[in-house]
Amino acid sequence: MEAGEGVMRVQGAPAVWLVVHQGNERAIPFYRALGCDVTGVAFHDFEDIRIEFRRMYKPFPQPPAPLA
């Protein structure tokens, strides 16, 4: 996770987001411990099945503005 975040930061991404299956009760606390917050719900419909996910988001700290 750290390596992926590092790549995103170098490329200028303001945040990382991911989706976790709502039934994955170990993953949500894991990502929360890494600084992600649950920000919503997402659904994926496959044939006659609706799958529910938790949307998670972690903003990156913005570097300080250079002094003038």
PDB file of N, CA and C in Angstrom:
ATOM      1  N   MET A   1       0.836  -1.183   0.000  1.00  0.00           N
ATOM      2  CA  MET A   1       0.000   0.000   0.000  1.00  0.00           C
ATOM      3  C   MET A   1       0.882   1.249   0.000  1.00  0.00           C
ATOM      4  N   GLU A   2       1.937   1.235   0.817  1.00  0.00           N
ATOM      5  CA  GLU A   2       2.827   2.392   0.883  1.00  0.00           C
ATOM      6  C   GLU A   2       3.483   2.667  -0.469  1.00  0.00           C
ATOM      7  N   ALA A   3       3.919   1.608  -1.153  1.00  0.00           N
ATOM      8  CA  ALA A   3       4.568   1.794  -2.452  1.00  0.00           C
ATOM      9  C   ALA A   3       3.590   2.404  -3.456  1.00  0.00           C
ATOM     10  N   GLY A   4       2.362   1.915  -3.469  1.00  0.00           N
ATOM     11  CA  GLY A   4       1.353   2.459  -4.373  1.00  0.00           C
ATOM     12  C   GLY A   4       1.052   3.911  -4.071  1.00  0.00           C
ATOM     13  N   GLU A   5       0.926   4.251  -2.793  1.00  0.00           N
ATOM     14  CA  GLU A   5       0.684   5.637  -2.406  1.00  0.00           C
ATOM     15  C   GLU A   5       1.861   6.510  -2.819  1.00  0.00           C
ATOM     16  N   GLY A   6       3.067   5.992  -2.670  1.00  0.00           N
ATOM     17  CA  GLY A   6       4.257   6.760  -3.064  1.00  0.00           C
ATOM     18  C   GLY A   6       4.248   7.098  -4.538  1.00  0.00           C
ATOM     19  N   VAL A   7       3.892   6.137  -5.368  1.00  0.00           N
ATOM     20  CA  VAL A   7       3.815   6.376  -6.815  1.00  0.00           C
ATOM     21  C   VAL A   7       2.760   7.435  -7.121  1.00  0.00           C
ATOM     22  N   MET A   8       1.604   7.326  -6.481  1.00  0.00           N
ATOM     23  CA  MET A   8       0.532   8.291  -6.732  1.00  0.00           C
ATOM     24  C   MET A   8       0.937   9.697  -6.300  1.00  0.00           C
ATOM     25  N   ARG A   9       1.632   9.800  -5.171  1.00  0.00           N
ATOM     26  CA  ARG A   9       2.064  11.126  -4.692  1.00  0.00           C
ATOM     27  C   ARG A   9       3.061  11.760  -5.653  1.00  0.00           C
ATOM     28  N   VAL A  10       4.030  10.955  -6.123  1.00  0.00           N
ATOM     29  CA  VAL A  10       5.027  11.465  -7.066  1.00  0.00           C
ATOM     30  C   VAL A  10       4.345  11.962  -8.341  1.00  0.00           C
ATOM     31  N   GLN A  11       3.280  11.297  -8.741  1.00  0.00           N
ATOM     32  CA  GLN A  11       2.564  11.697  -9.958  1.00  0.00           C
ATOM     33  C   GLN A  11       1.577  12.836  -9.696  1.00  0.00           C
ATOM     34  N   GLY A  12       1.497  13.307  -8.462  1.00  0.00           N
ATOM     35  CA  GLY A  12       0.675  14.463  -8.151  1.00  0.00           C
ATOM     36  C   GLY A  12      -0.775  14.180  -7.796  1.00  0.00           C
ATOM     37  N   ALA A  13      -1.102  12.926  -7.494  1.00  0.00           N
ATOM     38  CA  ALA A  13      -2.481  12.600  -7.118  1.00  0.00           C
ATOM     39  C   ALA A  13      -2.820  13.258  -5.781  1.00  0.00           C
ATOM     40  N   PRO A  14      -4.010  13.824  -5.647  1.00  0.00           N
ATOM     41  CA  PRO A  14      -4.383  14.467  -4.394  1.00  0.00           C
ATOM     42  C   PRO A  14      -4.862  13.489  -3.318  1.00  0.00           C
ATOM     43  N   ALA A  15      -5.172  12.243  -3.736  1.00  0.00           N
ATOM     44  CA  ALA A  15      -5.744  11.282  -2.789  1.00  0.00           C
ATOM     45  C   ALA A  15      -5.706   9.886  -3.392  1.00  0.00           C
ATOM     46  N   VAL A  16      -6.030   8.922  -2.554  1.00  0.00           N
ATOM     47  CA  VAL A  16      -6.231   7.552  -3.011  1.00  0.00           C
ATOM     48  C   VAL A  16      -7.657   7.168  -2.644  1.00  0.00           C
ATOM     49  N   TRP A  17      -8.308   6.399  -3.506  1.00  0.00           N
ATOM     50  CA  TRP A  17      -9.631   5.889  -3.175  1.00  0.00           C
ATOM     51  C   TRP A  17      -9.705   4.432  -3.599  1.00  0.00           C
ATOM     52  N   LEU A  18     -10.586   3.701  -2.970  1.00  0.00           N
ATOM     53  CA  LEU A  18     -10.771   2.285  -3.275  1.00  0.00           C
ATOM     54  C   LEU A  18     -12.169   1.871  -2.868  1.00  0.00           C
ATOM     55  N   VAL A  19     -12.569   0.700  -3.320  1.00  0.00           N
ATOM     56  CA  VAL A  19     -13.850   0.137  -2.894  1.00  0.00           C
ATOM     57  C   VAL A  19     -13.586  -1.222  -2.261  1.00  0.00           C
ATOM     58  N   VAL A  20     -14.348  -1.522  -1.213  1.00  0.00           N
ATOM     59  CA  VAL A  20     -14.204  -2.764  -0.465  1.00  0.00           C
ATOM     60  C   VAL A  20     -15.569  -3.432  -0.394  1.00  0.00           C
ATOM     61  N   HIS A  21     -15.628  -4.713  -0.679  1.00  0.00           N
ATOM     62  CA  HIS A  21     -16.887  -5.450  -0.562  1.00  0.00           C
ATOM     63  C   HIS A  21     -17.421  -5.288   0.854  1.00  0.00           C
ATOM     64  N   GLN A  22     -18.696  -4.941   0.965  1.00  0.00           N
ATOM     65  CA  GLN A  22     -19.290  -4.659   2.272  1.00  0.00           C
ATOM     66  C   GLN A  22     -19.197  -5.842   3.223  1.00  0.00           C
ATOM     67  N   GLY A  23     -19.059  -7.051   2.721  1.00  0.00           N
ATOM     68  CA  GLY A  23     -18.948  -8.229   3.576  1.00  0.00           C
ATOM     69  C   GLY A  23     -17.532  -8.525   4.042  1.00  0.00           C
ATOM     70  N   ASN A  24     -16.567  -7.761   3.558  1.00  0.00           N
ATOM     71  CA  ASN A  24     -15.170  -7.989   3.933  1.00  0.00           C
ATOM     72  C   ASN A  24     -14.884  -7.242   5.236  1.00  0.00           C
ATOM     73  N   GLU A  25     -15.241  -7.846   6.340  1.00  0.00           N
ATOM     74  CA  GLU A  25     -15.181  -7.183   7.644  1.00  0.00           C
ATOM     75  C   GLU A  25     -13.766  -6.994   8.174  1.00  0.00           C
ATOM     76  N   ARG A  26     -12.781  -7.629   7.565  1.00  0.00           N
ATOM     77  CA  ARG A  26     -11.391  -7.408   7.989  1.00  0.00           C
ATOM     78  C   ARG A  26     -10.750  -6.265   7.210  1.00  0.00           C
ATOM     79  N   ALA A  27     -11.162  -6.067   5.967  1.00  0.00           N
ATOM     80  CA  ALA A  27     -10.514  -5.058   5.127  1.00  0.00           C
ATOM     81  C   ALA A  27     -10.862  -3.635   5.552  1.00  0.00           C
ATOM     82  N   ILE A  28     -12.112  -3.393   5.910  1.00  0.00           N
ATOM     83  CA  ILE A  28     -12.514  -2.026   6.243  1.00  0.00           C
ATOM     84  C   ILE A  28     -11.712  -1.492   7.435  1.00  0.00           C
ATOM     85  N   PRO A  29     -11.588  -2.222   8.557  1.00  0.00           N
ATOM     86  CA  PRO A  29     -10.733  -1.720   9.646  1.00  0.00           C
ATOM     87  C   PRO A  29      -9.257  -1.600   9.248  1.00  0.00           C
ATOM     88  N   PHE A  30      -8.797  -2.499   8.384  1.00  0.00           N
ATOM     89  CA  PHE A  30      -7.414  -2.438   7.909  1.00  0.00           C
ATOM     90  C   PHE A  30      -7.163  -1.115   7.190  1.00  0.00           C
ATOM     91  N   TYR A  31      -8.035  -0.760   6.241  1.00  0.00           N
ATOM     92  CA  TYR A  31      -7.854   0.483   5.489  1.00  0.00           C
ATOM     93  C   TYR A  31      -8.096   1.713   6.359  1.00  0.00           C
ATOM     94  N   ARG A  32      -8.992   1.603   7.327  1.00  0.00           N
ATOM     95  CA  ARG A  32      -9.183   2.722   8.265  1.00  0.00           C
ATOM     96  C   ARG A  32      -7.892   2.973   9.042  1.00  0.00           C
ATOM     97  N   ALA A  33      -7.216   1.906   9.451  1.00  0.00           N
ATOM     98  CA  ALA A  33      -5.954   2.050  10.196  1.00  0.00           C
ATOM     99  C   ALA A  33      -4.871   2.719   9.344  1.00  0.00           C
ATOM    100  N   LEU A  34      -4.996   2.618   8.026  1.00  0.00           N
ATOM    101  CA  LEU A  34      -4.041   3.264   7.126  1.00  0.00           C
ATOM    102  C   LEU A  34      -4.445   4.702   6.794  1.00  0.00           C
ATOM    103  N   GLY A  35      -5.550   5.170   7.372  1.00  0.00           N
ATOM    104  CA  GLY A  35      -5.950   6.555   7.177  1.00  0.00           C
ATOM    105  C   GLY A  35      -7.106   6.774   6.228  1.00  0.00           C
ATOM    106  N   CYS A  36      -7.725   5.712   5.739  1.00  0.00           N
ATOM    107  CA  CYS A  36      -8.864   5.849   4.816  1.00  0.00           C
ATOM    108  C   CYS A  36     -10.167   5.984   5.606  1.00  0.00           C
ATOM    109  N   ASP A  37     -11.083   6.760   5.067  1.00  0.00           N
ATOM    110  CA  ASP A  37     -12.417   6.906   5.652  1.00  0.00           C
ATOM    111  C   ASP A  37     -13.458   6.357   4.680  1.00  0.00           C
ATOM    112  N   VAL A  38     -14.517   5.769   5.217  1.00  0.00           N
ATOM    113  CA  VAL A  38     -15.643   5.351   4.379  1.00  0.00           C
ATOM    114  C   VAL A  38     -16.391   6.615   3.978  1.00  0.00           C
ATOM    115  N   THR A  39     -16.552   6.814   2.680  1.00  0.00           N
ATOM    116  CA  THR A  39     -17.192   8.037   2.187  1.00  0.00           C
ATOM    117  C   THR A  39     -18.498   7.770   1.463  1.00  0.00           C
ATOM    118  N   GLY A  40     -18.862   6.511   1.298  1.00  0.00           N
ATOM    119  CA  GLY A  40     -20.111   6.236   0.609  1.00  0.00           C
ATOM    120  C   GLY A  40     -20.266   4.770   0.286  1.00  0.00           C
ATOM    121  N   VAL A  41     -21.266   4.511  -0.506  1.00  0.00           N
ATOM    122  CA  VAL A  41     -21.613   3.153  -0.924  1.00  0.00           C
ATOM    123  C   VAL A  41     -21.634   3.122  -2.438  1.00  0.00           C
ATOM    124  N   ALA A  42     -21.155   2.033  -3.011  1.00  0.00           N
ATOM    125  CA  ALA A  42     -21.215   1.823  -4.451  1.00  0.00           C
ATOM    126  C   ALA A  42     -21.838   0.455  -4.697  1.00  0.00           C
ATOM    127  N   PHE A  43     -22.527   0.308  -5.809  1.00  0.00           N
ATOM    128  CA  PHE A  43     -23.167  -0.960  -6.154  1.00  0.00           C
ATOM    129  C   PHE A  43     -22.694  -1.416  -7.523  1.00  0.00           C
ATOM    130  N   HIS A  44     -22.596  -2.721  -7.675  1.00  0.00           N
ATOM    131  CA  HIS A  44     -22.310  -3.322  -8.976  1.00  0.00           C
ATOM    132  C   HIS A  44     -23.380  -4.370  -9.228  1.00  0.00           C
ATOM    133  N   ASP A  45     -24.081  -4.234 -10.329  1.00  0.00           N
ATOM    134  CA  ASP A  45     -25.115  -5.204 -10.691  1.00  0.00           C
ATOM    135  C   ASP A  45     -24.530  -6.205 -11.673  1.00  0.00           C
ATOM    136  N   PHE A  46     -24.635  -7.466 -11.341  1.00  0.00           N
ATOM    137  CA  PHE A  46     -24.161  -8.549 -12.186  1.00  0.00           C
ATOM    138  C   PHE A  46     -25.293  -9.536 -12.364  1.00  0.00           C
ATOM    139  N   GLU A  47     -25.807  -9.610 -13.597  1.00  0.00           N
ATOM    140  CA  GLU A  47     -26.985 -10.418 -13.891  1.00  0.00           C
ATOM    141  C   GLU A  47     -28.099 -10.047 -12.917  1.00  0.00           C
ATOM    142  N   ASP A  48     -28.562 -10.954 -12.080  1.00  0.00           N
ATOM    143  CA  ASP A  48     -29.655 -10.613 -11.152  1.00  0.00           C
ATOM    144  C   ASP A  48     -29.148 -10.418  -9.711  1.00  0.00           C
ATOM    145  N   ILE A  49     -27.848 -10.148  -9.578  1.00  0.00           N
ATOM    146  CA  ILE A  49     -27.248  -9.974  -8.259  1.00  0.00           C
ATOM    147  C   ILE A  49     -26.760  -8.533  -8.107  1.00  0.00           C
ATOM    148  N   ARG A  50     -27.048  -7.910  -7.001  1.00  0.00           N
ATOM    149  CA  ARG A  50     -26.520  -6.582  -6.684  1.00  0.00           C
ATOM    150  C   ARG A  50     -25.464  -6.750  -5.596  1.00  0.00           C
ATOM    151  N   ILE A  51     -24.256  -6.271  -5.876  1.00  0.00           N
ATOM    152  CA  ILE A  51     -23.140  -6.382  -4.949  1.00  0.00           C
ATOM    153  C   ILE A  51     -22.875  -4.998  -4.363  1.00  0.00           C
ATOM    154  N   GLU A  52     -22.767  -4.934  -3.049  1.00  0.00           N
ATOM    155  CA  GLU A  52     -22.574  -3.656  -2.361  1.00  0.00           C
ATOM    156  C   GLU A  52     -21.126  -3.497  -1.913  1.00  0.00           C
ATOM    157  N   PHE A  53     -20.596  -2.308  -2.125  1.00  0.00           N
ATOM    158  CA  PHE A  53     -19.227  -1.978  -1.748  1.00  0.00           C
ATOM    159  C   PHE A  53     -19.218  -0.730  -0.881  1.00  0.00           C
ATOM    160  N   ARG A  54     -18.173  -0.579  -0.084  1.00  0.00           N
ATOM    161  CA  ARG A  54     -17.926   0.645   0.668  1.00  0.00           C
ATOM    162  C   ARG A  54     -16.841   1.426  -0.080  1.00  0.00           C
ATOM    163  N   ARG A  55     -17.120   2.680  -0.357  1.00  0.00           N
ATOM    164  CA  ARG A  55     -16.146   3.551  -1.000  1.00  0.00           C
ATOM    165  C   ARG A  55     -15.280   4.159   0.100  1.00  0.00           C
ATOM    166  N   MET A  56     -13.948   4.076  -0.070  1.00  0.00           N
ATOM    167  CA  MET A  56     -13.027   4.590   0.937  1.00  0.00           C
ATOM    168  C   MET A  56     -12.070   5.586   0.283  1.00  0.00           C
ATOM    169  N   TYR A  57     -11.648   6.584   1.060  1.00  0.00           N
ATOM    170  CA  TYR A  57     -10.887   7.710   0.521  1.00  0.00           C
ATOM    171  C   TYR A  57      -9.841   8.163   1.538  1.00  0.00           C
ATOM    172  N   LYS A  58      -8.655   8.493   1.034  1.00  0.00           N
ATOM    173  CA  LYS A  58      -7.592   9.017   1.890  1.00  0.00           C
ATOM    174  C   LYS A  58      -6.911  10.173   1.161  1.00  0.00           C
ATOM    175  N   PRO A  59      -7.113  11.399   1.655  1.00  0.00           N
ATOM    176  CA  PRO A  59      -6.427  12.529   1.018  1.00  0.00           C
ATOM    177  C   PRO A  59      -4.955  12.553   1.411  1.00  0.00           C
ATOM    178  N   PHE A  60      -4.119  13.019   0.498  1.00  0.00           N
ATOM    179  CA  PHE A  60      -2.704  13.186   0.795  1.00  0.00           C
ATOM    180  C   PHE A  60      -2.472  14.598   1.318  1.00  0.00           C
ATOM    181  N   PRO A  61      -1.578  14.751   2.284  1.00  0.00           N
ATOM    182  CA  PRO A  61      -1.266  16.105   2.748  1.00  0.00           C
ATOM    183  C   PRO A  61      -0.676  16.915   1.588  1.00  0.00           C
ATOM    184  N   GLN A  62      -1.100  18.148   1.480  1.00  0.00           N
ATOM    185  CA  GLN A  62      -0.576  19.009   0.430  1.00  0.00           C
ATOM    186  C   GLN A  62       0.736  19.619   0.904  1.00  0.00           C
ATOM    187  N   PRO A  63       1.727  19.672  -0.001  1.00  0.00           N
ATOM    188  CA  PRO A  63       2.995  20.289   0.410  1.00  0.00           C
ATOM    189  C   PRO A  63       2.791  21.778   0.667  1.00  0.00           C
ATOM    190  N   PRO A  64       3.571  22.328   1.571  1.00  0.00           N
ATOM    191  CA  PRO A  64       3.422  23.761   1.833  1.00  0.00           C
ATOM    192  C   PRO A  64       3.775  24.588   0.615  1.00  0.00           C
ATOM    193  N   ALA A  65       3.112  25.717   0.469  1.00  0.00           N
ATOM    194  CA  ALA A  65       3.404  26.616  -0.650  1.00  0.00           C
ATOM    195  C   ALA A  65       4.796  27.213  -0.457  1.00  0.00           C
ATOM    196  N   PRO A  66       5.524  27.396  -1.565  1.00  0.00           N
ATOM    197  CA  PRO A  66       6.855  27.989  -1.426  1.00  0.00           C
ATOM    198  C   PRO A  66       6.746  29.431  -0.945  1.00  0.00           C
ATOM    199  N   LEU A  67       7.732  29.830  -0.191  1.00  0.00           N
ATOM    200  CA  LEU A  67       7.767  31.212   0.312  1.00  0.00           C
ATOM    201  C   LEU A  67       8.108  32.160  -0.833  1.00  0.00           C
ATOM    202  N   ALA A  68       7.480  33.285  -0.841  1.00  0.00           N
ATOM    203  CA  ALA A  68       7.724  34.260  -1.914  1.00  0.00           C
ATOM    204  C   ALA A  68       8.959  35.090  -1.638  1.00  0.00           C
TER     205      ALA A  68
END
